[in-house]
């Protein structure tokens, strides 16, 4: 195998591995949100009541994270393209950010900042991973 082809394959494997690791962490975050929505959502939405109705949408977001990222990870392991899964992940982050910005006045102090840091950071990482995936061809 020629040297440049070997480097290309190595870079391709590394970017797919980075996407897979990101998806695994996102699925774990979603699982935590499903099991302890009040604790995970507290920096974003404030301290919940013992039976807070906010648990419902938080579990929905958690379920989305688990389903999307496990399915994306499985597709990557089968050799499928990563771009559609990264775009879907980015869409979820941007929806969370837009919804939070629209309701920012109803959030506790620091809620908008928490979402911008978590959701915005995740979106930026996904954009970087999209760039790496595009570079591999």
Protein backbone atom coordinates (compact mmCIF):
# COMPACT_ATOMS: atom_id res chain seq x y z
CA UNK A 1 0.00 0.00 0.00
CA UNK A 2 1.36 3.42 -0.93
CA UNK A 3 2.23 5.84 1.85
CA UNK A 4 -0.33 8.52 1.01
CA UNK A 5 -3.14 5.94 0.79
CA UNK A 6 -2.15 4.56 4.21
CA UNK A 7 -2.23 8.07 5.74
CA UNK A 8 -5.63 8.70 4.14
CA UNK A 9 -7.08 5.49 5.57
CA UNK A 10 -5.60 6.26 8.99
CA UNK A 11 -7.16 9.75 8.99
CA UNK A 12 -10.49 8.37 7.81
CA UNK A 13 -10.50 5.79 10.59
CA UNK A 14 -9.63 8.46 13.16
CA UNK A 15 -12.45 10.81 12.14
CA UNK A 16 -14.98 7.95 12.20
CA UNK A 17 -13.65 6.92 15.60
CA UNK A 18 -14.07 10.50 16.85
CA UNK A 19 -17.67 10.58 15.60
CA UNK A 20 -18.35 7.21 17.20
CA UNK A 21 -16.91 8.38 20.53
CA UNK A 22 -18.99 11.55 20.38
CA UNK A 23 -22.12 9.51 19.67
CA UNK A 24 -21.39 7.17 22.59
CA UNK A 25 -21.04 10.13 24.96
CA UNK A 26 -24.21 11.72 23.62
CA UNK A 27 -26.13 8.46 24.12
CA UNK A 28 -24.80 8.24 27.70
CA UNK A 29 -25.90 11.83 28.34
CA UNK A 30 -29.33 10.96 26.98
CA UNK A 31 -29.53 7.91 29.24
CA UNK A 32 -28.70 10.10 32.24
CA UNK A 33 -31.42 12.52 31.20
CA UNK A 34 -33.91 9.66 30.91
CA UNK A 35 -33.12 8.32 34.37
CA UNK A 36 -32.48 11.56 36.30
CA UNK A 37 -34.09 14.36 34.29
CA UNK A 38 -34.37 16.78 37.21
CA UNK A 39 -30.72 16.49 38.12
CA UNK A 40 -29.44 16.77 34.56
CA UNK A 41 -31.85 19.59 33.66
CA UNK A 42 -31.38 21.66 36.82
CA UNK A 43 -28.66 23.99 35.45
CA UNK A 44 -30.84 24.62 32.40
CA UNK A 45 -34.38 24.77 33.82
CA UNK A 46 -33.88 25.23 37.56
CA UNK A 47 -34.57 23.04 40.58
CA UNK A 48 -37.58 20.83 39.81
CA UNK A 49 -40.42 20.02 42.14
CA UNK A 50 -40.47 16.34 43.26
CA UNK A 51 -42.84 15.47 40.41
CA UNK A 52 -41.99 18.25 37.98
CA UNK A 53 -43.79 18.36 34.64
CA UNK A 54 -40.45 19.43 33.14
CA UNK A 55 -39.37 15.79 33.50
CA UNK A 56 -41.58 14.94 30.51
CA UNK A 57 -39.77 17.04 27.85
CA UNK A 58 -36.38 16.34 29.45
CA UNK A 59 -37.01 12.62 29.10
CA UNK A 60 -38.06 13.29 25.50
CA UNK A 61 -34.77 15.03 24.80
CA UNK A 62 -32.95 12.19 26.55
CA UNK A 63 -34.78 9.63 24.45
CA UNK A 64 -33.88 11.53 21.30
CA UNK A 65 -30.22 11.59 22.31
CA UNK A 66 -30.16 7.85 23.04
CA UNK A 67 -32.07 6.76 19.92
CA UNK A 68 -30.33 9.08 17.47
CA UNK A 69 -26.81 8.49 18.66
CA UNK A 70 -27.08 4.73 19.16
CA UNK A 71 -28.60 4.37 15.68
CA UNK A 72 -25.91 6.64 14.24
CA UNK A 73 -23.17 4.69 15.99
CA UNK A 74 -24.56 1.41 14.68
CA UNK A 75 -24.67 2.83 11.15
CA UNK A 76 -21.06 3.98 11.42
CA UNK A 77 -19.97 0.53 12.60
CA UNK A 78 -21.66 -0.91 9.49
CA UNK A 79 -19.64 1.48 7.32
CA UNK A 80 -22.49 3.87 6.51
CA UNK A 81 -21.82 7.56 5.88
CA UNK A 82 -21.52 9.71 9.00
CA UNK A 83 -22.81 12.99 7.54
CA UNK A 84 -26.58 12.29 7.83
CA UNK A 85 -26.21 11.32 11.48
CA UNK A 86 -24.10 14.35 12.29
CA UNK A 87 -26.64 16.62 10.59
CA UNK A 88 -29.48 15.05 12.59
CA UNK A 89 -27.49 15.53 15.80
CA UNK A 90 -26.76 19.15 14.89
CA UNK A 91 -30.46 19.70 14.17
CA UNK A 92 -31.34 18.52 17.68
CA UNK A 93 -28.80 20.87 19.24
CA UNK A 94 -29.98 23.84 17.20
CA UNK A 95 -33.61 23.12 18.09
CA UNK A 96 -32.73 22.98 21.79
CA UNK A 97 -30.82 26.27 21.50
CA UNK A 98 -33.61 28.04 19.59
CA UNK A 99 -36.27 26.84 22.05
CA UNK A 100 -34.21 27.96 25.02
CA UNK A 101 -33.49 31.37 23.52
CA UNK A 102 -37.19 31.85 22.75
CA UNK A 103 -38.14 31.09 26.38
CA UNK A 104 -35.10 32.68 28.05
CA UNK A 105 -37.21 35.01 30.21
CA UNK A 106 -38.89 32.04 31.90
CA UNK A 107 -35.58 30.35 32.75
CA UNK A 108 -33.82 30.62 36.09
CA UNK A 109 -30.66 32.70 36.33
CA UNK A 110 -27.92 30.91 34.44
CA UNK A 111 -30.34 28.70 32.48
CA UNK A 112 -29.64 30.33 29.13
CA UNK A 113 -25.90 30.27 29.79
CA UNK A 114 -26.05 26.57 30.71
CA UNK A 115 -27.86 25.73 27.47
CA UNK A 116 -25.54 27.90 25.38
CA UNK A 117 -22.51 26.19 26.89
CA UNK A 118 -23.82 22.62 26.63
CA UNK A 119 -25.90 22.83 23.46
CA UNK A 120 -23.69 25.40 21.75
CA UNK A 121 -20.56 23.45 22.61
CA UNK A 122 -22.12 20.28 21.31
CA UNK A 123 -23.20 22.02 18.10
CA UNK A 124 -19.70 23.41 17.56
CA UNK A 125 -18.16 19.97 18.12
CA UNK A 126 -20.61 18.46 15.65
CA UNK A 127 -19.72 21.12 13.07
CA UNK A 128 -16.02 20.28 13.58
CA UNK A 129 -16.79 16.58 13.12
CA UNK A 130 -18.74 17.40 9.95
CA UNK A 131 -15.65 19.20 8.67
CA UNK A 132 -13.45 16.20 9.47
CA UNK A 133 -15.94 13.87 7.77
CA UNK A 134 -16.03 16.10 4.67
CA UNK A 135 -12.24 16.17 4.54
CA UNK A 136 -12.12 12.41 4.33
CA UNK A 137 -14.18 12.47 1.15
